[in-house]
Amino acid sequence: MVEESIRGLPNVDCDTIGGLLVDYLKKKKSRVLIRGLRVVSDMDYEFQLASFNRRLSKDVETVFLMPDDQLHLSLRLDGARGRAPGRRHRAVRPSFVARRLKLKFGSPKV
């Protein structure tokens, strides 16, 4: 779904890694890591991770972004919405995510 969502964005890439993130950043000749924060409780974990990465590589900078309020959905709530008849298409954007949920859970029964 990530690859589908970034299609058409020439300066965005989707990749998987094995090993340490700082090693991957060095391989890609990058120094900036962008992380998303969904809720306040994410900050503690993300701060620890950023500090650890900084200890491993002084050149790595972590930038935190928060989602738009309209796009913020709890993963637990997403799953419930995905299974709730007739609710998933109004709760989930963009449309390909709704299509994927429909494939996984079937058509909503209203």
PDB file of N, CA and C in Angstrom:
ATOM      1  N   MET A   1       0.817  -1.187   0.000  1.00  0.00           N
ATOM      2  CA  MET A   1       0.000   0.000   0.000  1.00  0.00           C
ATOM      3  C   MET A   1       0.866   1.259   0.000  1.00  0.00           C
ATOM      4  N   VAL A   2       1.999   1.192   0.661  1.00  0.00           N
ATOM      5  CA  VAL A   2       2.883   2.363   0.685  1.00  0.00           C
ATOM      6  C   VAL A   2       3.359   2.675  -0.721  1.00  0.00           C
ATOM      7  N   GLU A   3       3.820   1.662  -1.440  1.00  0.00           N
ATOM      8  CA  GLU A   3       4.298   1.890  -2.803  1.00  0.00           C
ATOM      9  C   GLU A   3       3.213   2.501  -3.672  1.00  0.00           C
ATOM     10  N   GLU A   4       1.994   2.023  -3.525  1.00  0.00           N
ATOM     11  CA  GLU A   4       0.883   2.554  -4.302  1.00  0.00           C
ATOM     12  C   GLU A   4       0.594   4.011  -3.917  1.00  0.00           C
ATOM     13  N   SER A   5       0.719   4.329  -2.642  1.00  0.00           N
ATOM     14  CA  SER A   5       0.389   5.682  -2.190  1.00  0.00           C
ATOM     15  C   SER A   5       1.433   6.713  -2.614  1.00  0.00           C
ATOM     16  N   ILE A   6       2.682   6.309  -2.857  1.00  0.00           N
ATOM     17  CA  ILE A   6       3.719   7.272  -3.239  1.00  0.00           C
ATOM     18  C   ILE A   6       3.994   7.275  -4.738  1.00  0.00           C
ATOM     19  N   ARG A   7       3.288   6.440  -5.473  1.00  0.00           N
ATOM     20  CA  ARG A   7       3.458   6.421  -6.928  1.00  0.00           C
ATOM     21  C   ARG A   7       3.226   7.829  -7.471  1.00  0.00           C
ATOM     22  N   GLY A   8       4.127   8.261  -8.322  1.00  0.00           N
ATOM     23  CA  GLY A   8       4.001   9.598  -8.897  1.00  0.00           C
ATOM     24  C   GLY A   8       4.754  10.668  -8.122  1.00  0.00           C
ATOM     25  N   LEU A   9       5.345  10.310  -6.997  1.00  0.00           N
ATOM     26  CA  LEU A   9       6.163  11.262  -6.242  1.00  0.00           C
ATOM     27  C   LEU A   9       7.629  10.956  -6.553  1.00  0.00           C
ATOM     28  N   PRO A  10       8.259  11.730  -7.429  1.00  0.00           N
ATOM     29  CA  PRO A  10       9.605  11.394  -7.907  1.00  0.00           C
ATOM     30  C   PRO A  10      10.692  11.423  -6.839  1.00  0.00           C
ATOM     31  N   ASN A  11      10.497  12.164  -5.770  1.00  0.00           N
ATOM     32  CA  ASN A  11      11.533  12.282  -4.739  1.00  0.00           C
ATOM     33  C   ASN A  11      11.244  11.435  -3.499  1.00  0.00           C
ATOM     34  N   VAL A  12      10.342  10.452  -3.624  1.00  0.00           N
ATOM     35  CA  VAL A  12       9.981   9.592  -2.491  1.00  0.00           C
ATOM     36  C   VAL A  12      10.235   8.147  -2.880  1.00  0.00           C
ATOM     37  N   ASP A  13      10.790   7.378  -1.943  1.00  0.00           N
ATOM     38  CA  ASP A  13      11.130   5.987  -2.204  1.00  0.00           C
ATOM     39  C   ASP A  13      10.600   5.112  -1.076  1.00  0.00           C
ATOM     40  N   CYS A  14      10.284   3.879  -1.404  1.00  0.00           N
ATOM     41  CA  CYS A  14       9.851   2.896  -0.423  1.00  0.00           C
ATOM     42  C   CYS A  14      10.849   1.752  -0.461  1.00  0.00           C
ATOM     43  N   ASP A  15      11.343   1.353   0.701  1.00  0.00           N
ATOM     44  CA  ASP A  15      12.370   0.320   0.755  1.00  0.00           C
ATOM     45  C   ASP A  15      12.226  -0.453   2.056  1.00  0.00           C
ATOM     46  N   THR A  16      12.790  -1.647   2.101  1.00  0.00           N
ATOM     47  CA  THR A  16      12.845  -2.422   3.334  1.00  0.00           C
ATOM     48  C   THR A  16      14.303  -2.567   3.733  1.00  0.00           C
ATOM     49  N   ILE A  17      14.524  -2.739   5.035  1.00  0.00           N
ATOM     50  CA  ILE A  17      15.902  -2.861   5.502  1.00  0.00           C
ATOM     51  C   ILE A  17      16.026  -4.039   6.452  1.00  0.00           C
ATOM     52  N   GLY A  18      17.256  -4.486   6.607  1.00  0.00           N
ATOM     53  CA  GLY A  18      17.617  -5.461   7.620  1.00  0.00           C
ATOM     54  C   GLY A  18      18.828  -4.893   8.332  1.00  0.00           C
ATOM     55  N   GLY A  19      18.886  -4.993   9.623  1.00  0.00           N
ATOM     56  CA  GLY A  19      20.021  -4.426  10.346  1.00  0.00           C
ATOM     57  C   GLY A  19      19.681  -3.078  10.950  1.00  0.00           C
ATOM     58  N   LEU A  20      20.718  -2.311  11.228  1.00  0.00           N
ATOM     59  CA  LEU A  20      20.548  -1.022  11.898  1.00  0.00           C
ATOM     60  C   LEU A  20      20.142   0.066  10.918  1.00  0.00           C
ATOM     61  N   LEU A  21      19.235   0.906  11.352  1.00  0.00           N
ATOM     62  CA  LEU A  21      18.758   1.998  10.523  1.00  0.00           C
ATOM     63  C   LEU A  21      19.880   2.979  10.184  1.00  0.00           C
ATOM     64  N   VAL A  22      20.762   3.256  11.125  1.00  0.00           N
ATOM     65  CA  VAL A  22      21.861   4.194  10.852  1.00  0.00           C
ATOM     66  C   VAL A  22      22.779   3.658   9.759  1.00  0.00           C
ATOM     67  N   ASP A  23      22.966   2.346   9.693  1.00  0.00           N
ATOM     68  CA  ASP A  23      23.778   1.764   8.622  1.00  0.00           C
ATOM     69  C   ASP A  23      23.081   1.930   7.276  1.00  0.00           C
ATOM     70  N   TYR A  24      21.766   1.767   7.265  1.00  0.00           N
ATOM     71  CA  TYR A  24      20.999   1.954   6.037  1.00  0.00           C
ATOM     72  C   TYR A  24      21.093   3.408   5.568  1.00  0.00           C
ATOM     73  N   LEU A  25      20.975   4.347   6.502  1.00  0.00           N
ATOM     74  CA  LEU A  25      21.082   5.760   6.144  1.00  0.00           C
ATOM     75  C   LEU A  25      22.441   6.073   5.544  1.00  0.00           C
ATOM     76  N   LYS A  26      23.500   5.516   6.101  1.00  0.00           N
ATOM     77  CA  LYS A  26      24.844   5.724   5.544  1.00  0.00           C
ATOM     78  C   LYS A  26      24.936   5.160   4.135  1.00  0.00           C
ATOM     79  N   LYS A  27      24.389   3.973   3.934  1.00  0.00           N
ATOM     80  CA  LYS A  27      24.400   3.337   2.611  1.00  0.00           C
ATOM     81  C   LYS A  27      23.681   4.203   1.577  1.00  0.00           C
ATOM     82  N   LYS A  28      22.592   4.824   1.999  1.00  0.00           N
ATOM     83  CA  LYS A  28      21.802   5.679   1.098  1.00  0.00           C
ATOM     84  C   LYS A  28      22.331   7.115   1.044  1.00  0.00           C
ATOM     85  N   LYS A  29      23.418   7.390   1.790  1.00  0.00           N
ATOM     86  CA  LYS A  29      24.006   8.727   1.872  1.00  0.00           C
ATOM     87  C   LYS A  29      22.973   9.752   2.331  1.00  0.00           C
ATOM     88  N   SER A  30      22.250   9.377   3.380  1.00  0.00           N
ATOM     89  CA  SER A  30      21.239  10.243   3.956  1.00  0.00           C
ATOM     90  C   SER A  30      21.568  10.482   5.419  1.00  0.00           C
ATOM     91  N   ARG A  31      21.165  11.636   5.926  1.00  0.00           N
ATOM     92  CA  ARG A  31      21.420  11.957   7.328  1.00  0.00           C
ATOM     93  C   ARG A  31      20.150  12.273   8.093  1.00  0.00           C
ATOM     94  N   VAL A  32      19.015  12.344   7.402  1.00  0.00           N
ATOM     95  CA  VAL A  32      17.774  12.755   8.040  1.00  0.00           C
ATOM     96  C   VAL A  32      16.769  11.618   8.036  1.00  0.00           C
ATOM     97  N   LEU A  33      16.198  11.380   9.186  1.00  0.00           N
ATOM     98  CA  LEU A  33      15.182  10.351   9.367  1.00  0.00           C
ATOM     99  C   LEU A  33      13.880  11.050   9.758  1.00  0.00           C
ATOM    100  N   ILE A  34      12.829  10.811   8.998  1.00  0.00           N
ATOM    101  CA  ILE A  34      11.533  11.420   9.285  1.00  0.00           C
ATOM    102  C   ILE A  34      10.641  10.364   9.913  1.00  0.00           C
ATOM    103  N   ARG A  35      10.127  10.673  11.093  1.00  0.00           N
ATOM    104  CA  ARG A  35       9.278   9.741  11.834  1.00  0.00           C
ATOM    105  C   ARG A  35       7.937  10.400  12.129  1.00  0.00           C
ATOM    106  N   GLY A  36       6.882   9.616  12.106  1.00  0.00           N
ATOM    107  CA  GLY A  36       5.558  10.131  12.402  1.00  0.00           C
ATOM    108  C   GLY A  36       5.161   9.828  13.838  1.00  0.00           C
ATOM    109  N   LEU A  37       4.524  10.780  14.471  1.00  0.00           N
ATOM    110  CA  LEU A  37       4.004  10.611  15.830  1.00  0.00           C
ATOM    111  C   LEU A  37       2.484  10.642  15.756  1.00  0.00           C
ATOM    112  N   ARG A  38       1.845   9.558  16.156  1.00  0.00           N
ATOM    113  CA  ARG A  38       0.382   9.517  16.123  1.00  0.00           C
ATOM    114  C   ARG A  38      -0.219  10.073  17.397  1.00  0.00           C
ATOM    115  N   VAL A  39       0.364   9.703  18.514  1.00  0.00           N
ATOM    116  CA  VAL A  39      -0.152  10.130  19.818  1.00  0.00           C
ATOM    117  C   VAL A  39       1.015  10.518  20.712  1.00  0.00           C
ATOM    118  N   VAL A  40       0.713  11.224  21.787  1.00  0.00           N
ATOM    119  CA  VAL A  40       1.743  11.689  22.708  1.00  0.00           C
ATOM    120  C   VAL A  40       2.585  10.529  23.238  1.00  0.00           C
ATOM    121  N   SER A  41       1.959   9.389  23.482  1.00  0.00           N
ATOM    122  CA  SER A  41       2.694   8.248  24.043  1.00  0.00           C
ATOM    123  C   SER A  41       3.752   7.714  23.076  1.00  0.00           C
ATOM    124  N   ASP A  42       3.630   7.996  21.778  1.00  0.00           N
ATOM    125  CA  ASP A  42       4.676   7.601  20.823  1.00  0.00           C
ATOM    126  C   ASP A  42       5.978   8.346  21.082  1.00  0.00           C
ATOM    127  N   MET A  43       5.876   9.551  21.637  1.00  0.00           N
ATOM    128  CA  MET A  43       7.053  10.407  21.781  1.00  0.00           C
ATOM    129  C   MET A  43       8.126   9.783  22.651  1.00  0.00           C
ATOM    130  N   ASP A  44       7.767   9.135  23.734  1.00  0.00           N
ATOM    131  CA  ASP A  44       8.761   8.536  24.621  1.00  0.00           C
ATOM    132  C   ASP A  44       9.593   7.491  23.877  1.00  0.00           C
ATOM    133  N   TYR A  45       8.930   6.579  23.203  1.00  0.00           N
ATOM    134  CA  TYR A  45       9.627   5.538  22.446  1.00  0.00           C
ATOM    135  C   TYR A  45      10.469   6.154  21.335  1.00  0.00           C
ATOM    136  N   GLU A  46       9.872   7.070  20.578  1.00  0.00           N
ATOM    137  CA  GLU A  46      10.582   7.677  19.447  1.00  0.00           C
ATOM    138  C   GLU A  46      11.786   8.488  19.909  1.00  0.00           C
ATOM    139  N   PHE A  47      11.663   9.170  21.046  1.00  0.00           N
ATOM    140  CA  PHE A  47      12.785   9.929  21.585  1.00  0.00           C
ATOM    141  C   PHE A  47      13.936   8.996  21.961  1.00  0.00           C
ATOM    142  N   GLN A  48      13.620   7.869  22.590  1.00  0.00           N
ATOM    143  CA  GLN A  48      14.656   6.891  22.930  1.00  0.00           C
ATOM    144  C   GLN A  48      15.339   6.358  21.671  1.00  0.00           C
ATOM    145  N   LEU A  49      14.536   6.056  20.659  1.00  0.00           N
ATOM    146  CA  LEU A  49      15.078   5.545  19.402  1.00  0.00           C
ATOM    147  C   LEU A  49      15.975   6.590  18.730  1.00  0.00           C
ATOM    148  N   ALA A  50      15.532   7.833  18.715  1.00  0.00           N
ATOM    149  CA  ALA A  50      16.327   8.914  18.117  1.00  0.00           C
ATOM    150  C   ALA A  50      17.639   9.102  18.876  1.00  0.00           C
ATOM    151  N   SER A  51      17.583   9.032  20.198  1.00  0.00           N
ATOM    152  CA  SER A  51      18.801   9.173  21.014  1.00  0.00           C
ATOM    153  C   SER A  51      19.772   8.030  20.747  1.00  0.00           C
ATOM    154  N   PHE A  52      19.249   6.827  20.636  1.00  0.00           N
ATOM    155  CA  PHE A  52      20.082   5.659  20.338  1.00  0.00           C
ATOM    156  C   PHE A  52      20.743   5.806  18.964  1.00  0.00           C
ATOM    157  N   ASN A  53      19.954   6.214  17.966  1.00  0.00           N
ATOM    158  CA  ASN A  53      20.514   6.418  16.631  1.00  0.00           C
ATOM    159  C   ASN A  53      21.585   7.495  16.629  1.00  0.00           C
ATOM    160  N   ARG A  54      21.364   8.546  17.401  1.00  0.00           N
ATOM    161  CA  ARG A  54      22.346   9.631  17.481  1.00  0.00           C
ATOM    162  C   ARG A  54      23.642   9.136  18.117  1.00  0.00           C
ATOM    163  N   ARG A  55      23.530   8.254  19.130  1.00  0.00           N
ATOM    164  CA  ARG A  55      24.741   7.694  19.751  1.00  0.00           C
ATOM    165  C   ARG A  55      25.519   6.832  18.767  1.00  0.00           C
ATOM    166  N   LEU A  56      24.798   6.126  17.906  1.00  0.00           N
ATOM    167  CA  LEU A  56      25.455   5.270  16.923  1.00  0.00           C
ATOM    168  C   LEU A  56      26.057   6.063  15.775  1.00  0.00           C
ATOM    169  N   SER A  57      25.442   7.176  15.448  1.00  0.00           N
ATOM    170  CA  SER A  57      25.926   8.011  14.343  1.00  0.00           C
ATOM    171  C   SER A  57      25.586   9.465  14.636  1.00  0.00           C
ATOM    172  N   LYS A  58      26.605  10.257  14.939  1.00  0.00           N
ATOM    173  CA  LYS A  58      26.403  11.664  15.306  1.00  0.00           C
ATOM    174  C   LYS A  58      25.783  12.482  14.174  1.00  0.00           C
ATOM    175  N   ASP A  59      25.871  12.000  12.930  1.00  0.00           N
ATOM    176  CA  ASP A  59      25.365  12.738  11.778  1.00  0.00           C
ATOM    177  C   ASP A  59      23.862  12.580  11.566  1.00  0.00           C
ATOM    178  N   VAL A  60      23.232  11.637  12.222  1.00  0.00           N
ATOM    179  CA  VAL A  60      21.817  11.352  11.978  1.00  0.00           C
ATOM    180  C   VAL A  60      20.932  12.339  12.739  1.00  0.00           C
ATOM    181  N   GLU A  61      20.024  12.995  12.004  1.00  0.00           N
ATOM    182  CA  GLU A  61      19.024  13.885  12.592  1.00  0.00           C
ATOM    183  C   GLU A  61      17.657  13.244  12.428  1.00  0.00           C
ATOM    184  N   THR A  62      16.849  13.279  13.459  1.00  0.00           N
ATOM    185  CA  THR A  62      15.490  12.753  13.389  1.00  0.00           C
ATOM    186  C   THR A  62      14.514  13.910  13.445  1.00  0.00           C
ATOM    187  N   VAL A  63      13.590  13.929  12.486  1.00  0.00           N
ATOM    188  CA  VAL A  63      12.541  14.947  12.420  1.00  0.00           C
ATOM    189  C   VAL A  63      11.222  14.245  12.691  1.00  0.00           C
ATOM    190  N   PHE A  64      10.444  14.810  13.605  1.00  0.00           N
ATOM    191  CA  PHE A  64       9.154  14.229  13.956  1.00  0.00           C
ATOM    192  C   PHE A  64       8.031  15.031  13.317  1.00  0.00           C
ATOM    193  N   LEU A  65       7.084  14.331  12.717  1.00  0.00           N
ATOM    194  CA  LEU A  65       5.912  14.961  12.121  1.00  0.00           C
ATOM    195  C   LEU A  65       4.658  14.397  12.767  1.00  0.00           C
ATOM    196  N   MET A  66       3.667  15.253  12.922  1.00  0.00           N
ATOM    197  CA  MET A  66       2.379  14.818  13.464  1.00  0.00           C
ATOM    198  C   MET A  66       1.353  14.851  12.336  1.00  0.00           C
ATOM    199  N   PRO A  67       0.448  13.867  12.305  1.00  0.00           N
ATOM    200  CA  PRO A  67      -0.545  13.835  11.225  1.00  0.00           C
ATOM    201  C   PRO A  67      -1.627  14.888  11.418  1.00  0.00           C
ATOM    202  N   ASP A  68      -2.280  15.207  10.321  1.00  0.00           N
ATOM    203  CA  ASP A  68      -3.456  16.053  10.366  1.00  0.00           C
ATOM    204  C   ASP A  68      -4.504  15.356  11.233  1.00  0.00           C
ATOM    205  N   ASP A  69      -5.240  16.100  12.017  1.00  0.00           N
ATOM    206  CA  ASP A  69      -6.260  15.510  12.897  1.00  0.00           C
ATOM    207  C   ASP A  69      -7.240  14.635  12.136  1.00  0.00           C
ATOM    208  N   GLN A  70      -7.569  15.009  10.910  1.00  0.00           N
ATOM    209  CA  GLN A  70      -8.524  14.232  10.136  1.00  0.00           C
ATOM    210  C   GLN A  70      -7.937  12.909   9.669  1.00  0.00           C
ATOM    211  N   LEU A  71      -6.623  12.821   9.581  1.00  0.00           N
ATOM    212  CA  LEU A  71      -5.987  11.589   9.116  1.00  0.00           C
ATOM    213  C   LEU A  71      -5.587  10.671  10.254  1.00  0.00           C
ATOM    214  N   HIS A  72      -5.607  11.172  11.471  1.00  0.00           N
ATOM    215  CA  HIS A  72      -5.176  10.377  12.619  1.00  0.00           C
ATOM    216  C   HIS A  72      -6.231   9.321  12.965  1.00  0.00           C
ATOM    217  N   LEU A  73      -5.836   8.087  12.836  1.00  0.00           N
ATOM    218  CA  LEU A  73      -6.702   6.971  13.228  1.00  0.00           C
ATOM    219  C   LEU A  73      -5.866   5.993  14.028  1.00  0.00           C
ATOM    220  N   SER A  74      -6.350   5.571  15.137  1.00  0.00           N
ATOM    221  CA  SER A  74      -5.670   4.556  15.920  1.00  0.00           C
ATOM    222  C   SER A  74      -5.667   3.247  15.147  1.00  0.00           C
ATOM    223  N   LEU A  75      -4.572   2.524  15.194  1.00  0.00           N
ATOM    224  CA  LEU A  75      -4.504   1.241  14.500  1.00  0.00           C
ATOM    225  C   LEU A  75      -5.570   0.289  15.020  1.00  0.00           C
ATOM    226  N   ARG A  76      -5.800   0.306  16.310  1.00  0.00           N
ATOM    227  CA  ARG A  76      -6.828  -0.562  16.890  1.00  0.00           C
ATOM    228  C   ARG A  76      -8.212  -0.167  16.367  1.00  0.00           C
ATOM    229  N   LEU A  77      -8.463   1.133  16.299  1.00  0.00           N
ATOM    230  CA  LEU A  77      -9.751   1.596  15.779  1.00  0.00           C
ATOM    231  C   LEU A  77      -9.875   1.298  14.291  1.00  0.00           C
ATOM    232  N   ASP A  78      -8.752   1.400  13.549  1.00  0.00           N
ATOM    233  CA  ASP A  78      -8.786   1.065  12.123  1.00  0.00           C
ATOM    234  C   ASP A  78      -9.266  -0.354  11.913  1.00  0.00           C
ATOM    235  N   GLY A  79      -8.738  -1.280  12.701  1.00  0.00           N
ATOM    236  CA  GLY A  79      -9.142  -2.672  12.567  1.00  0.00           C
ATOM    237  C   GLY A  79     -10.620  -2.850  12.862  1.00  0.00           C
ATOM    238  N   ALA A  80     -11.096  -2.177  13.901  1.00  0.00           N
ATOM    239  CA  ALA A  80     -12.519  -2.268  14.240  1.00  0.00           C
ATOM    240  C   ALA A  80     -13.372  -1.650  13.146  1.00  0.00           C
ATOM    241  N   ARG A  81     -12.918  -0.530  12.618  1.00  0.00           N
ATOM    242  CA  ARG A  81     -13.668   0.109  11.536  1.00  0.00           C
ATOM    243  C   ARG A  81     -13.667  -0.768  10.297  1.00  0.00           C
ATOM    244  N   GLY A  82     -12.533  -1.431  10.046  1.00  0.00           N
ATOM    245  CA  GLY A  82     -12.438  -2.293   8.865  1.00  0.00           C
ATOM    246  C   GLY A  82     -13.407  -3.452   8.919  1.00  0.00           C
ATOM    247  N   ARG A  83     -13.729  -3.908  10.136  1.00  0.00           N
ATOM    248  CA  ARG A  83     -14.651  -5.037  10.290  1.00  0.00           C
ATOM    249  C   ARG A  83     -16.094  -4.591  10.488  1.00  0.00           C
ATOM    250  N   ALA A  84     -16.304  -3.313  10.758  1.00  0.00           N
ATOM    251  CA  ALA A  84     -17.661  -2.827  11.036  1.00  0.00           C
ATOM    252  C   ALA A  84     -18.430  -2.643   9.728  1.00  0.00           C
ATOM    253  N   PRO A  85     -19.548  -3.324   9.587  1.00  0.00           N
ATOM    254  CA  PRO A  85     -20.326  -3.207   8.355  1.00  0.00           C
ATOM    255  C   PRO A  85     -20.724  -1.760   8.059  1.00  0.00           C
ATOM    256  N   GLY A  86     -20.470  -1.360   6.818  1.00  0.00           N
ATOM    257  CA  GLY A  86     -20.911  -0.058   6.351  1.00  0.00           C
ATOM    258  C   GLY A  86     -20.123   1.131   6.856  1.00  0.00           C
ATOM    259  N   ARG A  87     -19.119   0.939   7.703  1.00  0.00           N
ATOM    260  CA  ARG A  87     -18.399   2.062   8.308  1.00  0.00           C
ATOM    261  C   ARG A  87     -17.036   2.295   7.685  1.00  0.00           C
ATOM    262  N   ARG A  88     -16.430   1.280   7.125  1.00  0.00           N
ATOM    263  CA  ARG A  88     -15.028   1.410   6.748  1.00  0.00           C
ATOM    264  C   ARG A  88     -14.764   2.440   5.663  1.00  0.00           C
ATOM    265  N   HIS A  89     -15.632   2.593   4.694  1.00  0.00           N
ATOM    266  CA  HIS A  89     -15.334   3.484   3.587  1.00  0.00           C
ATOM    267  C   HIS A  89     -15.393   4.956   3.998  1.00  0.00           C
ATOM    268  N   ARG A  90     -16.184   5.290   4.995  1.00  0.00           N
ATOM    269  CA  ARG A  90     -16.233   6.666   5.470  1.00  0.00           C
ATOM    270  C   ARG A  90     -15.055   6.976   6.387  1.00  0.00           C
ATOM    271  N   ALA A  91     -14.510   5.990   7.046  1.00  0.00           N
ATOM    272  CA  ALA A  91     -13.460   6.221   8.034  1.00  0.00           C
ATOM    273  C   ALA A  91     -12.063   6.194   7.435  1.00  0.00           C
ATOM    274  N   VAL A  92     -11.869   5.533   6.311  1.00  0.00           N
ATOM    275  CA  VAL A  92     -10.525   5.301   5.792  1.00  0.00           C
ATOM    276  C   VAL A  92     -10.310   6.032   4.480  1.00  0.00           C
ATOM    277  N   ARG A  93      -9.183   6.730   4.379  1.00  0.00           N
ATOM    278  CA  ARG A  93      -8.740   7.373   3.163  1.00  0.00           C
ATOM    279  C   ARG A  93      -7.287   7.041   2.997  1.00  0.00           C
ATOM    280  N   PRO A  94      -6.699   7.035   1.865  1.00  0.00           N
ATOM    281  CA  PRO A  94      -7.273   7.185   0.541  1.00  0.00           C
ATOM    282  C   PRO A  94      -8.037   5.947   0.077  1.00  0.00           C
ATOM    283  N   SER A  95      -8.588   6.044  -1.090  1.00  0.00           N
ATOM    284  CA  SER A  95      -9.525   5.015  -1.555  1.00  0.00           C
ATOM    285  C   SER A  95      -8.885   3.642  -1.714  1.00  0.00           C
ATOM    286  N   PHE A  96      -7.591   3.578  -2.034  1.00  0.00           N
ATOM    287  CA  PHE A  96      -6.998   2.240  -2.194  1.00  0.00           C
ATOM    288  C   PHE A  96      -6.921   1.488  -0.876  1.00  0.00           C
ATOM    289  N   VAL A  97      -6.837   2.198   0.243  1.00  0.00           N
ATOM    290  CA  VAL A  97      -6.852   1.524   1.545  1.00  0.00           C
ATOM    291  C   VAL A  97      -8.224   0.897   1.760  1.00  0.00           C
ATOM    292  N   ALA A  98      -9.258   1.636   1.403  1.00  0.00           N
ATOM    293  CA  ALA A  98     -10.610   1.092   1.512  1.00  0.00           C
ATOM    294  C   ALA A  98     -10.770  -0.137   0.620  1.00  0.00           C
ATOM    295  N   ARG A  99     -10.192  -0.095  -0.576  1.00  0.00           N
ATOM    296  CA  ARG A  99     -10.261  -1.269  -1.475  1.00  0.00           C
ATOM    297  C   ARG A  99      -9.571  -2.470  -0.847  1.00  0.00           C
ATOM    298  N   ARG A 100      -8.405  -2.241  -0.229  1.00  0.00           N
ATOM    299  CA  ARG A 100      -7.676  -3.344   0.411  1.00  0.00           C
ATOM    300  C   ARG A 100      -8.470  -3.926   1.572  1.00  0.00           C
ATOM    301  N   LEU A 101      -9.105  -3.074   2.357  1.00  0.00           N
ATOM    302  CA  LEU A 101      -9.932  -3.563   3.458  1.00  0.00           C
ATOM    303  C   LEU A 101     -11.106  -4.377   2.923  1.00  0.00           C
ATOM    304  N   LYS A 102     -11.677  -3.929   1.817  1.00  0.00           N
ATOM    305  CA  LYS A 102     -12.795  -4.650   1.210  1.00  0.00           C
ATOM    306  C   LYS A 102     -12.340  -6.031   0.755  1.00  0.00           C
ATOM    307  N   LEU A 103     -11.127  -6.110   0.166  1.00  0.00           N
ATOM    308  CA  LEU A 103     -10.595  -7.408  -0.257  1.00  0.00           C
ATOM    309  C   LEU A 103     -10.382  -8.333   0.935  1.00  0.00           C
ATOM    310  N   LYS A 104      -9.896  -7.770   2.031  1.00  0.00           N
ATOM    311  CA  LYS A 104      -9.607  -8.593   3.206  1.00  0.00           C
ATOM    312  C   LYS A 104     -10.867  -9.019   3.960  1.00  0.00           C
ATOM    313  N   PHE A 105     -11.795  -8.062   4.157  1.00  0.00           N
ATOM    314  CA  PHE A 105     -12.948  -8.334   5.011  1.00  0.00           C
ATOM    315  C   PHE A 105     -14.254  -8.533   4.236  1.00  0.00           C
ATOM    316  N   GLY A 106     -14.251  -8.294   2.931  1.00  0.00           N
ATOM    317  CA  GLY A 106     -15.465  -8.440   2.142  1.00  0.00           C
ATOM    318  C   GLY A 106     -16.287  -7.165   2.119  1.00  0.00           C
ATOM    319  N   SER A 107     -17.339  -7.173   1.359  1.00  0.00           N
ATOM    320  CA  SER A 107     -18.217  -6.012   1.235  1.00  0.00           C
ATOM    321  C   SER A 107     -18.986  -5.791   2.526  1.00  0.00           C
ATOM    322  N   PRO A 108     -19.208  -4.503   2.861  1.00  0.00           N
ATOM    323  CA  PRO A 108     -19.980  -4.236   4.079  1.00  0.00           C
ATOM    324  C   PRO A 108     -21.414  -4.703   3.918  1.00  0.00           C
ATOM    325  N   LYS A 109     -21.954  -5.246   4.985  1.00  0.00           N
ATOM    326  CA  LYS A 109     -23.356  -5.677   5.005  1.00  0.00           C
ATOM    327  C   LYS A 109     -24.142  -4.612   5.749  1.00  0.00           C
ATOM    328  N   VAL A 110     -24.998  -3.950   5.047  1.00  0.00           N
ATOM    329  CA  VAL A 110     -25.750  -2.840   5.637  1.00  0.00           C
ATOM    330  C   VAL A 110     -27.138  -3.297   6.008  1.00  0.00           C
TER     331      VAL A 110
END
